[in-house]
PDB file of N, CA and C in Angstrom:
ATOM      1  N   MET A   1       0.882  -0.746   0.018  1.00  0.00           N
ATOM      2  CA  MET A   1       0.078  -0.196  -0.118  1.00  0.00           C
ATOM      3  C   MET A   1       1.325   1.133   0.196  1.00  0.00           C
ATOM      4  N   LEU A   2       2.286   0.991   0.236  1.00  0.00           N
ATOM      5  CA  LEU A   2       2.978   2.503   0.538  1.00  0.00           C
ATOM      6  C   LEU A   2       3.286   3.058  -0.665  1.00  0.00           C
ATOM      7  N   GLU A   3       2.957   1.842  -1.732  1.00  0.00           N
ATOM      8  CA  GLU A   3       3.376   2.720  -3.021  1.00  0.00           C
ATOM      9  C   GLU A   3       2.319   3.329  -4.047  1.00  0.00           C
ATOM     10  N   PHE A   4       0.898   2.639  -3.407  1.00  0.00           N
ATOM     11  CA  PHE A   4      -0.489   3.605  -3.934  1.00  0.00           C
ATOM     12  C   PHE A   4      -0.168   4.593  -3.222  1.00  0.00           C
ATOM     13  N   LYS A   5       0.354   4.960  -1.762  1.00  0.00           N
ATOM     14  CA  LYS A   5       0.101   5.878  -1.278  1.00  0.00           C
ATOM     15  C   LYS A   5       0.980   6.922  -1.604  1.00  0.00           C
ATOM     16  N   ASN A   6       2.336   6.747  -2.146  1.00  0.00           N
ATOM     17  CA  ASN A   6       3.132   7.703  -2.575  1.00  0.00           C
ATOM     18  C   ASN A   6       2.688   7.911  -4.113  1.00  0.00           C
ATOM     19  N   ALA A   7       2.536   7.155  -4.667  1.00  0.00           N
ATOM     20  CA  ALA A   7       1.918   7.711  -6.182  1.00  0.00           C
ATOM     21  C   ALA A   7       0.986   8.653  -6.125  1.00  0.00           C
ATOM     22  N   LEU A   8      -0.099   8.381  -4.907  1.00  0.00           N
ATOM     23  CA  LEU A   8      -0.988   9.364  -4.802  1.00  0.00           C
ATOM     24  C   LEU A   8      -0.578  10.746  -4.601  1.00  0.00           C
ATOM     25  N   LEU A   9       0.239  10.444  -3.566  1.00  0.00           N
ATOM     26  CA  LEU A   9       0.838  12.022  -3.247  1.00  0.00           C
ATOM     27  C   LEU A   9       1.526  12.633  -3.732  1.00  0.00           C
ATOM     28  N   SER A  10       2.413  11.456  -4.651  1.00  0.00           N
ATOM     29  CA  SER A  10       3.184  12.178  -5.845  1.00  0.00           C
ATOM     30  C   SER A  10       1.994  13.239  -7.141  1.00  0.00           C
ATOM     31  N   LEU A  11       0.686  12.379  -7.082  1.00  0.00           N
ATOM     32  CA  LEU A  11      -0.381  13.655  -7.921  1.00  0.00           C
ATOM     33  C   LEU A  11      -0.662  14.355  -7.646  1.00  0.00           C
ATOM     34  N   GLY A  12      -0.301  14.559  -6.240  1.00  0.00           N
ATOM     35  CA  GLY A  12      -1.071  16.156  -5.658  1.00  0.00           C
ATOM     36  C   GLY A  12      -2.297  15.197  -4.892  1.00  0.00           C
ATOM     37  N   PHE A  13      -2.414  14.254  -4.434  1.00  0.00           N
ATOM     38  CA  PHE A  13      -3.795  14.320  -3.641  1.00  0.00           C
ATOM     39  C   PHE A  13      -3.420  14.204  -2.380  1.00  0.00           C
ATOM     40  N   GLU A  14      -4.300  14.711  -1.204  1.00  0.00           N
ATOM     41  CA  GLU A  14      -3.819  14.002   0.200  1.00  0.00           C
ATOM     42  C   GLU A  14      -4.225  12.910   0.453  1.00  0.00           C
ATOM     43  N   VAL A  15      -3.415  11.496   1.462  1.00  0.00           N
ATOM     44  CA  VAL A  15      -3.535  10.619   1.622  1.00  0.00           C
ATOM     45  C   VAL A  15      -3.395  10.081   2.793  1.00  0.00           C
ATOM     46  N   ASP A  16      -4.778   9.545   3.626  1.00  0.00           N
ATOM     47  CA  ASP A  16      -4.752   8.909   5.151  1.00  0.00           C
ATOM     48  C   ASP A  16      -4.841   7.695   5.052  1.00  0.00           C
ATOM     49  N   ALA A  17      -3.738   6.837   5.582  1.00  0.00           N
ATOM     50  CA  ALA A  17      -3.709   5.336   5.699  1.00  0.00           C
ATOM     51  C   ALA A  17      -4.495   5.267   7.577  1.00  0.00           C
ATOM     52  N   GLN A  18      -5.017   4.536   7.039  1.00  0.00           N
ATOM     53  CA  GLN A  18      -5.715   3.783   8.107  1.00  0.00           C
ATOM     54  C   GLN A  18      -6.491   2.582   8.267  1.00  0.00           C
ATOM     55  N   LYS A  19      -6.246   1.626   9.491  1.00  0.00           N
ATOM     56  CA  LYS A  19      -6.736   0.502   9.388  1.00  0.00           C
ATOM     57  C   LYS A  19      -8.631   0.688  10.142  1.00  0.00           C
ATOM     58  N   LEU A  20      -9.217   0.741   9.145  1.00  0.00           N
ATOM     59  CA  LEU A  20     -10.767   0.278   9.348  1.00  0.00           C
ATOM     60  C   LEU A  20     -11.568  -1.087   9.512  1.00  0.00           C
ATOM     61  N   ASN A  21     -12.558  -0.645  11.015  1.00  0.00           N
ATOM     62  CA  ASN A  21     -13.122  -1.865  10.752  1.00  0.00           C
ATOM     63  C   ASN A  21     -14.372  -2.136   9.716  1.00  0.00           C
ATOM     64  N   VAL A  22     -14.610  -3.088   9.336  1.00  0.00           N
ATOM     65  CA  VAL A  22     -15.931  -2.856   8.458  1.00  0.00           C
ATOM     66  C   VAL A  22     -16.875  -2.402   8.293  1.00  0.00           C
ATOM     67  N   ASN A  23     -17.063  -2.071   9.795  1.00  0.00           N
ATOM     68  CA  ASN A  23     -18.720  -1.011  10.372  1.00  0.00           C
ATOM     69  C   ASN A  23     -18.184   0.512   9.999  1.00  0.00           C
ATOM     70  N   GLU A  24     -16.859   0.625   9.706  1.00  0.00           N
ATOM     71  CA  GLU A  24     -16.616   2.117   9.534  1.00  0.00           C
ATOM     72  C   GLU A  24     -16.297   2.414   8.393  1.00  0.00           C
ATOM     73  N   LEU A  25     -16.708   1.613   7.322  1.00  0.00           N
ATOM     74  CA  LEU A  25     -16.876   1.630   5.861  1.00  0.00           C
ATOM     75  C   LEU A  25     -17.990   2.468   5.527  1.00  0.00           C
ATOM     76  N   ALA A  26     -18.938   2.454   6.387  1.00  0.00           N
ATOM     77  CA  ALA A  26     -20.219   3.386   6.002  1.00  0.00           C
ATOM     78  C   ALA A  26     -19.546   4.956   6.341  1.00  0.00           C
ATOM     79  N   ASN A  27     -18.875   5.038   6.991  1.00  0.00           N
ATOM     80  CA  ASN A  27     -18.221   6.615   7.349  1.00  0.00           C
ATOM     81  C   ASN A  27     -17.478   7.578   6.372  1.00  0.00           C
ATOM     82  N   ILE A  28     -17.065   6.109   5.555  1.00  0.00           N
ATOM     83  CA  ILE A  28     -16.219   6.890   4.239  1.00  0.00           C
ATOM     84  C   ILE A  28     -17.332   7.645   3.334  1.00  0.00           C
ATOM     85  N   ARG A  29     -16.226   8.959   3.092  1.00  0.00           N
ATOM     86  CA  ARG A  29     -17.017  10.608   2.508  1.00  0.00           C
ATOM     87  C   ARG A  29     -16.004  10.627   1.136  1.00  0.00           C
ATOM     88  N   ALA A  30     -14.584   9.938   0.579  1.00  0.00           N
ATOM     89  CA  ALA A  30     -13.694  10.101  -0.077  1.00  0.00           C
ATOM     90  C   ALA A  30     -13.279   8.988  -0.642  1.00  0.00           C
ATOM     91  N   PRO A  31     -12.703   9.259  -2.261  1.00  0.00           N
ATOM     92  CA  PRO A  31     -12.317   7.663  -2.909  1.00  0.00           C
ATOM     93  C   PRO A  31     -11.607   7.216  -1.898  1.00  0.00           C
ATOM     94  N   SER A  32     -11.351   6.057  -2.047  1.00  0.00           N
ATOM     95  CA  SER A  32     -10.689   5.215  -1.241  1.00  0.00           C
ATOM     96  C   SER A  32     -10.139   4.004  -1.672  1.00  0.00           C
ATOM     97  N   ILE A  33      -8.966   3.360  -1.433  1.00  0.00           N
ATOM     98  CA  ILE A  33      -8.553   1.926  -1.885  1.00  0.00           C
ATOM     99  C   ILE A  33      -8.139   1.295  -0.620  1.00  0.00           C
ATOM    100  N   LEU A  34      -8.674   0.245  -1.146  1.00  0.00           N
ATOM    101  CA  LEU A  34      -9.353  -0.695   0.231  1.00  0.00           C
ATOM    102  C   LEU A  34      -8.320  -2.048  -0.520  1.00  0.00           C
ATOM    103  N   LEU A  35      -7.802  -2.547   0.525  1.00  0.00           N
ATOM    104  CA  LEU A  35      -6.833  -3.730   0.827  1.00  0.00           C
ATOM    105  C   LEU A  35      -7.799  -4.618   1.403  1.00  0.00           C
ATOM    106  N   VAL A  36      -8.465  -5.772   0.612  1.00  0.00           N
ATOM    107  CA  VAL A  36      -9.804  -6.480   1.210  1.00  0.00           C
ATOM    108  C   VAL A  36      -8.414  -7.830   1.483  1.00  0.00           C
ATOM    109  N   LEU A  37      -7.988  -8.513   2.326  1.00  0.00           N
ATOM    110  CA  LEU A  37      -7.399  -9.720   3.006  1.00  0.00           C
ATOM    111  C   LEU A  37      -7.946 -10.450   3.587  1.00  0.00           C
ATOM    112  N   PRO A  38      -7.626 -11.574   3.137  1.00  0.00           N
ATOM    113  CA  PRO A  38      -8.209 -12.774   3.421  1.00  0.00           C
ATOM    114  C   PRO A  38      -8.919 -12.840   5.101  1.00  0.00           C
ATOM    115  N   PRO A  39      -9.623 -13.390   5.200  1.00  0.00           N
ATOM    116  CA  PRO A  39     -10.150 -13.510   6.631  1.00  0.00           C
ATOM    117  C   PRO A  39      -8.929 -14.354   7.568  1.00  0.00           C
ATOM    118  N   GLU A  40      -8.306 -13.949   8.113  1.00  0.00           N
ATOM    119  CA  GLU A  40      -7.790 -14.786   9.720  1.00  0.00           C
ATOM    120  C   GLU A  40      -8.097 -15.950  10.070  1.00  0.00           C
ATOM    121  N   ASN A  41      -9.582 -15.586  10.744  1.00  0.00           N
ATOM    122  CA  ASN A  41      -9.740 -17.109  11.271  1.00  0.00           C
ATOM    123  C   ASN A  41     -11.249 -17.575  10.599  1.00  0.00           C
ATOM    124  N   LEU A  42     -11.198 -18.110   9.782  1.00  0.00           N
ATOM    125  CA  LEU A  42     -12.328 -18.494   8.967  1.00  0.00           C
ATOM    126  C   LEU A  42     -12.147 -20.134   9.112  1.00  0.00           C
ATOM    127  N   GLU A  43     -13.300 -20.382   9.845  1.00  0.00           N
ATOM    128  CA  GLU A  43     -13.323 -21.920  10.167  1.00  0.00           C
ATOM    129  C   GLU A  43     -13.880 -22.733   9.304  1.00  0.00           C
ATOM    130  N   GLY A  44     -13.997 -23.492   8.535  1.00  0.00           N
ATOM    131  CA  GLY A  44     -14.737 -24.269   7.540  1.00  0.00           C
ATOM    132  C   GLY A  44     -14.845 -24.061   6.164  1.00  0.00           C
ATOM    133  N   GLY A  45     -14.508 -22.175   6.442  1.00  0.00           N
ATOM    134  CA  GLY A  45     -14.905 -22.227   4.715  1.00  0.00           C
ATOM    135  C   GLY A  45     -13.602 -21.923   3.871  1.00  0.00           C
ATOM    136  N   TRP A  46     -14.118 -21.182   2.592  1.00  0.00           N
ATOM    137  CA  TRP A  46     -12.505 -21.243   1.910  1.00  0.00           C
ATOM    138  C   TRP A  46     -12.595 -19.279   1.941  1.00  0.00           C
ATOM    139  N   ALA A  47     -11.467 -18.989   1.657  1.00  0.00           N
ATOM    140  CA  ALA A  47     -11.224 -17.628   1.075  1.00  0.00           C
ATOM    141  C   ALA A  47     -10.136 -17.801  -0.027  1.00  0.00           C
ATOM    142  N   PRO A  48     -10.125 -16.877  -0.796  1.00  0.00           N
ATOM    143  CA  PRO A  48      -8.519 -16.655  -1.426  1.00  0.00           C
ATOM    144  C   PRO A  48      -7.671 -16.820  -0.861  1.00  0.00           C
ATOM    145  N   PRO A  49      -6.626 -17.553  -0.823  1.00  0.00           N
ATOM    146  CA  PRO A  49      -5.058 -16.894  -0.278  1.00  0.00           C
ATOM    147  C   PRO A  49      -4.205 -15.729  -0.460  1.00  0.00           C
ATOM    148  N   PHE A  50      -5.006 -14.616  -0.740  1.00  0.00           N
ATOM    149  CA  PHE A  50      -4.257 -13.284  -1.475  1.00  0.00           C
ATOM    150  C   PHE A  50      -5.038 -12.233  -1.318  1.00  0.00           C
ATOM    151  N   ALA A  51      -4.319 -11.047  -1.655  1.00  0.00           N
ATOM    152  CA  ALA A  51      -4.975  -9.780  -1.232  1.00  0.00           C
ATOM    153  C   ALA A  51      -5.580  -9.745  -2.049  1.00  0.00           C
ATOM    154  N   HIS A  52      -6.490  -8.614  -2.255  1.00  0.00           N
ATOM    155  CA  HIS A  52      -6.556  -7.609  -3.503  1.00  0.00           C
ATOM    156  C   HIS A  52      -7.222  -6.263  -2.966  1.00  0.00           C
ATOM    157  N   TYR A  53      -7.432  -5.429  -4.245  1.00  0.00           N
ATOM    158  CA  TYR A  53      -7.240  -4.399  -3.851  1.00  0.00           C
ATOM    159  C   TYR A  53      -8.307  -3.702  -4.669  1.00  0.00           C
ATOM    160  N   VAL A  54      -9.272  -2.768  -4.258  1.00  0.00           N
ATOM    161  CA  VAL A  54     -10.635  -2.039  -4.943  1.00  0.00           C
ATOM    162  C   VAL A  54     -10.926  -0.453  -4.479  1.00  0.00           C
ATOM    163  N   VAL A  55     -11.119   0.109  -5.433  1.00  0.00           N
ATOM    164  CA  VAL A  55     -11.110   1.378  -4.911  1.00  0.00           C
ATOM    165  C   VAL A  55     -12.806   1.226  -4.786  1.00  0.00           C
ATOM    166  N   LEU A  56     -12.744   2.174  -3.106  1.00  0.00           N
ATOM    167  CA  LEU A  56     -14.812   2.432  -3.237  1.00  0.00           C
ATOM    168  C   LEU A  56     -14.481   3.793  -3.528  1.00  0.00           C
ATOM    169  N   TRP A  57     -15.884   4.353  -4.063  1.00  0.00           N
ATOM    170  CA  TRP A  57     -16.109   5.550  -4.650  1.00  0.00           C
ATOM    171  C   TRP A  57     -17.553   5.987  -4.144  1.00  0.00           C
ATOM    172  N   PRO A  58     -17.999   6.450  -2.866  1.00  0.00           N
ATOM    173  CA  PRO A  58     -19.076   6.598  -2.266  1.00  0.00           C
ATOM    174  C   PRO A  58     -19.682   7.655  -3.008  1.00  0.00           C
ATOM    175  N   LEU A  59     -21.135   7.433  -3.305  1.00  0.00           N
ATOM    176  CA  LEU A  59     -21.856   8.203  -3.895  1.00  0.00           C
ATOM    177  C   LEU A  59     -22.863   9.428  -3.413  1.00  0.00           C
ATOM    178  N   ASP A  60     -23.272   8.490  -2.006  1.00  0.00           N
ATOM    179  CA  ASP A  60     -23.732   8.823  -1.232  1.00  0.00           C
ATOM    180  C   ASP A  60     -24.045   8.480   0.344  1.00  0.00           C
ATOM    181  N   LYS A  61     -24.752   8.699   1.315  1.00  0.00           N
ATOM    182  CA  LYS A  61     -24.532   7.742   2.271  1.00  0.00           C
ATOM    183  C   LYS A  61     -24.934   6.409   2.367  1.00  0.00           C
ATOM    184  N   GLN A  62     -25.984   6.116   1.411  1.00  0.00           N
ATOM    185  CA  GLN A  62     -26.008   4.464   1.202  1.00  0.00           C
ATOM    186  C   GLN A  62     -25.394   4.174   0.448  1.00  0.00           C
ATOM    187  N   ARG A  63     -24.747   4.339  -0.653  1.00  0.00           N
ATOM    188  CA  ARG A  63     -24.928   3.912  -1.449  1.00  0.00           C
ATOM    189  C   ARG A  63     -22.566   4.281  -2.437  1.00  0.00           C
ATOM    190  N   VAL A  64     -22.438   3.291  -2.491  1.00  0.00           N
ATOM    191  CA  VAL A  64     -21.092   3.181  -2.976  1.00  0.00           C
ATOM    192  C   VAL A  64     -20.973   2.746  -4.493  1.00  0.00           C
ATOM    193  N   ARG A  65     -19.781   2.835  -5.095  1.00  0.00           N
ATOM    194  CA  ARG A  65     -19.296   2.264  -6.181  1.00  0.00           C
ATOM    195  C   ARG A  65     -17.769   1.219  -5.932  1.00  0.00           C
ATOM    196  N   ILE A  66     -17.856   0.486  -6.585  1.00  0.00           N
ATOM    197  CA  ILE A  66     -16.873  -0.550  -6.174  1.00  0.00           C
ATOM    198  C   ILE A  66     -16.125  -0.548  -7.452  1.00  0.00           C
ATOM    199  N   LEU A  67     -14.859  -0.208  -7.878  1.00  0.00           N
ATOM    200  CA  LEU A  67     -13.968  -0.387  -9.524  1.00  0.00           C
ATOM    201  C   LEU A  67     -12.688  -1.308  -9.000  1.00  0.00           C
ATOM    202  N   ASP A  68     -13.180  -1.745  -9.577  1.00  0.00           N
ATOM    203  CA  ASP A  68     -12.660  -3.573  -9.461  1.00  0.00           C
ATOM    204  C   ASP A  68     -11.594  -3.988 -10.989  1.00  0.00           C
ATOM    205  N   TYR A  69     -10.758  -3.100 -11.422  1.00  0.00           N
ATOM    206  CA  TYR A  69     -10.575  -3.069 -12.924  1.00  0.00           C
ATOM    207  C   TYR A  69      -9.649  -5.057 -12.905  1.00  0.00           C
ATOM    208  N   PRO A  70     -10.038  -5.377 -13.763  1.00  0.00           N
ATOM    209  CA  PRO A  70     -10.941  -5.037 -15.291  1.00  0.00           C
ATOM    210  C   PRO A  70     -12.381  -5.403 -15.348  1.00  0.00           C
ATOM    211  N   ARG A  71     -12.710  -5.746 -13.923  1.00  0.00           N
ATOM    212  CA  ARG A  71     -14.538  -6.247 -13.867  1.00  0.00           C
ATOM    213  C   ARG A  71     -14.989  -4.600 -14.373  1.00  0.00           C
ATOM    214  N   GLU A  72     -16.463  -4.992 -14.956  1.00  0.00           N
ATOM    215  CA  GLU A  72     -17.311  -3.110 -14.675  1.00  0.00           C
ATOM    216  C   GLU A  72     -17.848  -2.758 -13.437  1.00  0.00           C
ATOM    217  N   SER A  73     -17.503  -2.033 -13.107  1.00  0.00           N
ATOM    218  CA  SER A  73     -18.209  -0.862 -12.055  1.00  0.00           C
ATOM    219  C   SER A  73     -19.687  -1.357 -11.570  1.00  0.00           C
ATOM    220  N   VAL A  74     -19.165  -1.747 -10.212  1.00  0.00           N
ATOM    221  CA  VAL A  74     -21.100  -1.839  -9.524  1.00  0.00           C
ATOM    222  C   VAL A  74     -21.228  -1.005  -8.169  1.00  0.00           C
ATOM    223  N   VAL A  75     -22.317  -0.639  -8.097  1.00  0.00           N
ATOM    224  CA  VAL A  75     -22.822  -0.207  -7.137  1.00  0.00           C
ATOM    225  C   VAL A  75     -23.781  -0.970  -6.274  1.00  0.00           C
ATOM    226  N   PHE A  76     -22.973  -0.715  -4.696  1.00  0.00           N
ATOM    227  CA  PHE A  76     -23.800  -1.407  -3.651  1.00  0.00           C
ATOM    228  C   PHE A  76     -24.355  -0.385  -2.708  1.00  0.00           C
ATOM    229  N   SER A  77     -25.505  -1.293  -2.142  1.00  0.00           N
ATOM    230  CA  SER A  77     -25.835  -0.414  -0.842  1.00  0.00           C
ATOM    231  C   SER A  77     -24.728  -0.718   0.420  1.00  0.00           C
ATOM    232  N   VAL A  78     -24.075   0.723   1.122  1.00  0.00           N
ATOM    233  CA  VAL A  78     -23.215   0.424   2.022  1.00  0.00           C
ATOM    234  C   VAL A  78     -23.530  -0.738   3.246  1.00  0.00           C
ATOM    235  N   ASP A  79     -24.895  -0.869   3.254  1.00  0.00           N
ATOM    236  CA  ASP A  79     -25.055  -2.011   4.313  1.00  0.00           C
ATOM    237  C   ASP A  79     -25.104  -3.362   3.300  1.00  0.00           C
ATOM    238  N   TYR A  80     -25.298  -3.555   2.226  1.00  0.00           N
ATOM    239  CA  TYR A  80     -25.148  -5.091   1.718  1.00  0.00           C
ATOM    240  C   TYR A  80     -23.481  -4.978   1.963  1.00  0.00           C
ATOM    241  N   LEU A  81     -22.517  -4.311   1.028  1.00  0.00           N
ATOM    242  CA  LEU A  81     -20.990  -4.274   1.345  1.00  0.00           C
ATOM    243  C   LEU A  81     -20.848  -4.521   2.827  1.00  0.00           C
ATOM    244  N   ILE A  82     -21.182  -3.821   3.682  1.00  0.00           N
ATOM    245  CA  ILE A  82     -20.610  -4.608   5.162  1.00  0.00           C
ATOM    246  C   ILE A  82     -21.201  -5.591   5.486  1.00  0.00           C
ATOM    247  N   ARG A  83     -22.575  -5.945   5.102  1.00  0.00           N
ATOM    248  CA  ARG A  83     -22.913  -7.642   5.240  1.00  0.00           C
ATOM    249  C   ARG A  83     -22.082  -8.299   5.015  1.00  0.00           C
ATOM    250  N   ASP A  84     -21.263  -8.528   3.692  1.00  0.00           N
ATOM    251  CA  ASP A  84     -20.955  -9.395   2.630  1.00  0.00           C
ATOM    252  C   ASP A  84     -19.411  -9.513   3.144  1.00  0.00           C
ATOM    253  N   LEU A  85     -19.085  -8.337   3.381  1.00  0.00           N
ATOM    254  CA  LEU A  85     -17.640  -8.841   4.124  1.00  0.00           C
ATOM    255  C   LEU A  85     -17.760  -9.248   5.221  1.00  0.00           C
ATOM    256  N   ARG A  86     -19.000  -9.089   6.425  1.00  0.00           N
ATOM    257  CA  ARG A  86     -18.659  -9.384   7.187  1.00  0.00           C
ATOM    258  C   ARG A  86     -19.068 -11.109   7.521  1.00  0.00           C
ATOM    259  N   SER A  87     -19.663 -11.524   6.013  1.00  0.00           N
ATOM    260  CA  SER A  87     -19.896 -12.734   6.103  1.00  0.00           C
ATOM    261  C   SER A  87     -19.124 -13.833   5.936  1.00  0.00           C
ATOM    262  N   ALA A  88     -18.464 -12.986   5.017  1.00  0.00           N
ATOM    263  CA  ALA A  88     -16.568 -13.595   3.992  1.00  0.00           C
ATOM    264  C   ALA A  88     -15.964 -13.853   5.562  1.00  0.00           C
ATOM    265  N   GLY A  89     -16.205 -13.062   6.421  1.00  0.00           N
ATOM    266  CA  GLY A  89     -15.163 -13.439   8.068  1.00  0.00           C
ATOM    267  C   GLY A  89     -14.321 -12.211   8.002  1.00  0.00           C
ATOM    268  N   ILE A  90     -14.665 -11.292   6.732  1.00  0.00           N
ATOM    269  CA  ILE A  90     -13.066  -9.939   6.845  1.00  0.00           C
ATOM    270  C   ILE A  90     -14.215  -9.026   7.950  1.00  0.00           C
ATOM    271  N   THR A  91     -13.122  -8.790   9.308  1.00  0.00           N
ATOM    272  CA  THR A  91     -13.540  -7.158  10.385  1.00  0.00           C
ATOM    273  C   THR A  91     -12.699  -6.408   9.984  1.00  0.00           C
ATOM    274  N   ASN A  92     -11.307  -6.503   9.632  1.00  0.00           N
ATOM    275  CA  ASN A  92     -10.837  -5.077   9.296  1.00  0.00           C
ATOM    276  C   ASN A  92     -10.162  -5.105   7.998  1.00  0.00           C
ATOM    277  N   ILE A  93      -9.803  -3.998   7.748  1.00  0.00           N
ATOM    278  CA  ILE A  93      -9.828  -3.527   6.106  1.00  0.00           C
ATOM    279  C   ILE A  93      -8.606  -2.435   6.038  1.00  0.00           C
ATOM    280  N   PRO A  94      -7.339  -2.092   5.701  1.00  0.00           N
ATOM    281  CA  PRO A  94      -6.713  -1.117   5.476  1.00  0.00           C
ATOM    282  C   PRO A  94      -7.434  -0.530   4.121  1.00  0.00           C
ATOM    283  N   VAL A  95      -7.408   0.646   4.414  1.00  0.00           N
ATOM    284  CA  VAL A  95      -7.749   1.581   3.532  1.00  0.00           C
ATOM    285  C   VAL A  95      -6.845   2.820   3.517  1.00  0.00           C
ATOM    286  N   LEU A  96      -6.875   3.222   2.218  1.00  0.00           N
ATOM    287  CA  LEU A  96      -6.311   4.758   1.638  1.00  0.00           C
ATOM    288  C   LEU A  96      -6.780   5.700   1.227  1.00  0.00           C
ATOM    289  N   LEU A  97      -7.544   6.587   2.333  1.00  0.00           N
ATOM    290  CA  LEU A  97      -8.255   7.327   1.957  1.00  0.00           C
ATOM    291  C   LEU A  97      -8.316   8.380   1.146  1.00  0.00           C
ATOM    292  N   CYS A  98      -8.469   9.054   0.344  1.00  0.00           N
ATOM    293  CA  CYS A  98      -7.723   9.933  -0.745  1.00  0.00           C
ATOM    294  C   CYS A  98      -8.729  11.547  -0.495  1.00  0.00           C
ATOM    295  N   SER A  99      -8.372  11.955  -0.830  1.00  0.00           N
ATOM    296  CA  SER A  99      -8.715  13.914  -1.198  1.00  0.00           C
ATOM    297  C   SER A  99      -7.666  14.447  -2.090  1.00  0.00           C
ATOM    298  N   ASN A 100      -8.906  15.612  -2.988  1.00  0.00           N
ATOM    299  CA  ASN A 100      -8.028  15.993  -3.962  1.00  0.00           C
ATOM    300  C   ASN A 100      -8.197  17.728  -3.459  1.00  0.00           C
ATOM    301  N   GLN A 101      -8.015  17.694  -2.600  1.00  0.00           N
ATOM    302  CA  GLN A 101      -8.059  18.910  -1.282  1.00  0.00           C
ATOM    303  C   GLN A 101      -6.776  19.825  -2.060  1.00  0.00           C
ATOM    304  N   GLY A 102      -5.920  19.162  -1.863  1.00  0.00           N
ATOM    305  CA  GLY A 102      -4.232  19.653  -2.367  1.00  0.00           C
ATOM    306  C   GLY A 102      -4.018  19.743  -3.593  1.00  0.00           C
ATOM    307  N   LEU A 103      -5.115  19.892  -4.577  1.00  0.00           N
ATOM    308  CA  LEU A 103      -4.646  19.974  -5.935  1.00  0.00           C
ATOM    309  C   LEU A 103      -5.725  21.297  -6.508  1.00  0.00           C
ATOM    310  N   ALA A 104      -4.649  21.629  -7.180  1.00  0.00           N
ATOM    311  CA  ALA A 104      -5.392  23.130  -8.082  1.00  0.00           C
ATOM    312  C   ALA A 104      -6.030  22.628  -8.933  1.00  0.00           C
ATOM    313  N   ASN A 105      -7.173  23.793  -9.036  1.00  0.00           N
ATOM    314  CA  ASN A 105      -8.585  23.503 -10.330  1.00  0.00           C
ATOM    315  C   ASN A 105      -7.964  23.771 -11.380  1.00  0.00           C
TER     316      ASN A 105
END
């Protein structure tokens, strides 16, 4: 994630790296890069053995767009996204919160 953070900073974005509980995703109001890690303690289930990056783009308080190239972007309700991550056993997610406040218009 450090490479992403440095790249975003070099482009003029303000970046805040945090580790959020999945419930805190509902409070994100800035475009963000999420690092979805396999669950740590998944009993009897299957999870991919690798990490996966997606971009979360808040549309409003109830909906987010997920960008996961090369797939088409999809819109989910925040509640659905949180339920889906919890059901997969994912509880904490490293996040890069991005802001373009530092960019010249």
